[in-house]
Amino acid sequence: MQKKIKIIEDSKSFILAIALSIFIWIFFSNYWHYPSPPFESLTSKEVIRILEEESSESGFLKIATENNFDWYTCKHNNCLEENVLFPLSDRGWHKQDITPYYKPNGKLIRIEYIYTKNQVDGNLGTTLKIEVYHWVDSEDINFLKIPQDIDF
């Protein structure tokens, strides 16, 4: 009789362990593989929700404001050019430099775009730095860090 009880207890604990591991896998599989976004006011889960619910046709959305910077999201590289870089050129900003930053393993972390305006002989004018962060090891989702006082 004790052998039967022990076998029943072992099978119950085995089934319980399988059910628990399935539950944990389902719970974490949705958001666990997404790294934190490069800003602190939103979690990766909130960013995914924003991208799914509030996506616009252009894929360009303002999603946060931190420390005098606005954070935008873009779903592809053309979105960055169409919504930020071309309008800046139209408003008199001149591209000076593009600097990519990589992890030691060769993966792209961010790209810095440097623009200047009103640059005259001896006068440096105004300098603008736009940072573009790639997310989820993909070039399809980008975060843009742009100073608040810039119109584009």
Protein backbone atom coordinates (compact mmCIF):
# COMPACT_ATOMS: atom_id res chain seq x y z
CA MET A 1 0.00 0.00 0.00
CA GLN A 2 2.84 2.40 0.80
CA LYS A 3 4.48 1.69 -2.57
CA LYS A 4 1.28 2.71 -4.39
CA ILE A 5 1.04 5.94 -2.36
CA LYS A 6 4.68 6.76 -3.05
CA ILE A 7 4.22 6.18 -6.82
CA ILE A 8 1.10 8.37 -6.82
CA GLU A 9 2.93 11.13 -4.94
CA ASP A 10 5.88 10.96 -7.35
CA SER A 11 3.63 11.17 -10.42
CA LYS A 12 1.71 14.09 -8.91
CA SER A 13 4.91 15.98 -8.21
CA PHE A 14 6.15 15.19 -11.73
CA ILE A 15 2.94 16.50 -13.31
CA LEU A 16 3.02 19.54 -11.05
CA ALA A 17 6.64 20.26 -12.05
CA ILE A 18 5.75 20.00 -15.75
CA ALA A 19 2.73 22.29 -15.33
CA LEU A 20 4.79 24.82 -13.39
CA SER A 21 7.57 24.86 -15.98
CA ILE A 22 5.02 25.32 -18.81
CA PHE A 23 3.43 28.22 -16.93
CA ILE A 24 6.82 29.87 -16.35
CA TRP A 25 7.78 29.39 -20.01
CA ILE A 26 4.50 30.95 -21.23
CA PHE A 27 4.80 33.85 -18.79
CA PHE A 28 8.38 34.78 -19.63
CA SER A 29 8.45 33.89 -23.33
CA ASN A 30 6.51 36.99 -24.34
CA TYR A 31 8.81 39.64 -22.90
CA TRP A 32 11.85 37.95 -21.43
CA HIS A 33 13.96 38.07 -24.59
CA TYR A 34 13.46 41.82 -25.07
CA PRO A 35 16.22 43.90 -23.49
CA SER A 36 15.37 47.03 -21.57
CA PRO A 37 14.90 50.09 -23.76
CA PRO A 38 17.70 52.69 -23.54
CA PHE A 39 15.58 54.96 -21.31
CA GLU A 40 14.21 54.42 -17.81
CA SER A 41 10.60 55.63 -17.90
CA LEU A 42 9.19 52.62 -19.80
CA THR A 43 9.75 48.89 -19.57
CA SER A 44 10.15 46.63 -22.59
CA LYS A 45 6.62 45.31 -21.98
CA GLU A 46 5.18 48.84 -22.17
CA VAL A 47 7.15 49.61 -25.33
CA ILE A 48 5.83 46.46 -27.01
CA ARG A 49 2.28 47.42 -26.01
CA ILE A 50 2.75 50.92 -27.46
CA LEU A 51 4.16 49.53 -30.70
CA GLU A 52 1.26 47.08 -31.07
CA GLU A 53 -1.61 49.38 -30.06
CA GLU A 54 -0.58 52.84 -31.20
CA SER A 55 1.40 52.17 -34.34
CA SER A 56 1.00 54.79 -37.02
CA GLU A 57 1.40 54.34 -40.75
CA SER A 58 4.87 55.89 -40.72
CA GLY A 59 5.94 53.92 -37.64
CA PHE A 60 7.23 57.13 -36.02
CA LEU A 61 5.98 57.66 -32.45
CA LYS A 62 7.01 59.80 -29.50
CA ILE A 63 7.04 57.42 -26.55
CA ALA A 64 8.84 59.14 -23.67
CA THR A 65 10.49 62.32 -22.37
CA GLU A 66 13.49 62.21 -20.02
CA ASN A 67 16.08 64.80 -18.99
CA ASN A 68 15.28 67.36 -21.73
CA PHE A 69 15.27 64.67 -24.43
CA ASP A 70 12.35 63.24 -26.37
CA TRP A 71 12.43 59.53 -27.19
CA TYR A 72 10.85 58.39 -30.43
CA THR A 73 10.51 54.97 -31.98
CA CYS A 74 10.87 54.12 -35.65
CA LYS A 75 10.09 50.74 -37.16
CA HIS A 76 12.53 50.91 -40.08
CA ASN A 77 15.46 52.99 -41.31
CA ASN A 78 13.41 54.82 -43.97
CA CYS A 79 11.23 56.16 -41.17
CA LEU A 80 14.27 57.86 -39.61
CA GLU A 81 15.25 59.50 -42.88
CA GLU A 82 11.72 60.60 -43.82
CA ASN A 83 10.65 61.94 -40.42
CA VAL A 84 13.88 63.37 -38.97
CA LEU A 85 16.94 63.59 -41.21
CA PHE A 86 15.35 65.05 -44.38
CA PRO A 87 13.26 67.64 -42.46
CA LEU A 88 16.40 68.74 -40.57
CA SER A 89 18.21 69.31 -43.87
CA ASP A 90 15.21 71.29 -45.15
CA ARG A 91 15.43 73.55 -42.07
CA GLY A 92 19.08 74.44 -42.58
CA TRP A 93 20.86 71.76 -40.54
CA HIS A 94 23.98 70.28 -42.16
CA LYS A 95 25.15 66.73 -41.50
CA GLN A 96 28.71 66.71 -40.15
CA ASP A 97 29.39 63.21 -38.87
CA ILE A 98 27.89 59.76 -38.39
CA THR A 99 29.53 57.61 -35.71
CA PRO A 100 28.48 53.99 -35.07
CA TYR A 101 29.21 52.34 -31.70
CA TYR A 102 29.57 48.56 -31.43
CA LYS A 103 29.71 45.97 -28.65
CA PRO A 104 32.91 43.89 -28.38
CA ASN A 105 31.09 41.06 -30.20
CA GLY A 106 30.50 43.33 -33.21
CA LYS A 107 26.79 44.07 -32.69
CA LEU A 108 25.67 47.62 -33.28
CA ILE A 109 24.66 49.53 -30.12
CA ARG A 110 23.87 53.00 -31.43
CA ILE A 111 24.62 55.52 -34.14
CA GLU A 112 25.26 59.21 -33.44
CA TYR A 113 24.30 61.77 -36.08
CA ILE A 114 25.95 65.18 -35.66
CA TYR A 115 24.34 68.21 -37.35
CA THR A 116 25.32 71.90 -37.28
CA LYS A 117 23.41 75.07 -38.10
CA ASN A 118 24.50 78.70 -38.62
CA GLN A 119 28.14 77.72 -38.99
CA VAL A 120 30.11 80.72 -40.27
CA ASP A 121 33.88 81.37 -40.46
CA GLY A 122 35.22 81.01 -36.92
CA ASN A 123 31.74 80.52 -35.43
CA LEU A 124 30.80 76.93 -34.65
CA GLY A 125 27.10 77.73 -34.62
CA THR A 126 24.66 75.29 -33.06
CA THR A 127 25.46 71.59 -32.83
CA LEU A 128 22.81 68.88 -32.65
CA LYS A 129 23.46 65.27 -31.68
CA ILE A 130 20.81 62.64 -32.48
CA GLU A 131 21.35 59.16 -31.07
CA VAL A 132 19.73 56.14 -32.72
CA TYR A 133 19.61 52.91 -30.69
CA HIS A 134 18.81 49.58 -32.32
CA TRP A 135 16.62 47.28 -30.26
CA VAL A 136 16.11 43.53 -30.03
CA ASP A 137 19.14 42.78 -32.19
CA SER A 138 17.15 44.07 -35.11
CA GLU A 139 17.43 47.07 -37.34
CA ASP A 140 13.65 47.18 -37.69
CA ILE A 141 12.99 48.88 -34.33
CA ASN A 142 15.00 51.98 -33.52
CA PHE A 143 14.86 54.42 -30.62
CA LEU A 144 15.77 58.03 -31.31
CA LYS A 145 17.07 60.38 -28.61
CA ILE A 146 16.47 63.97 -29.73
CA PRO A 147 16.75 67.20 -27.67
CA GLN A 148 13.32 68.62 -26.81
CA ASP A 149 13.84 72.08 -28.30
CA ILE A 150 14.48 70.83 -31.86
CA ASP A 151 11.74 71.13 -34.47
CA PHE A 152 11.86 68.76 -37.41
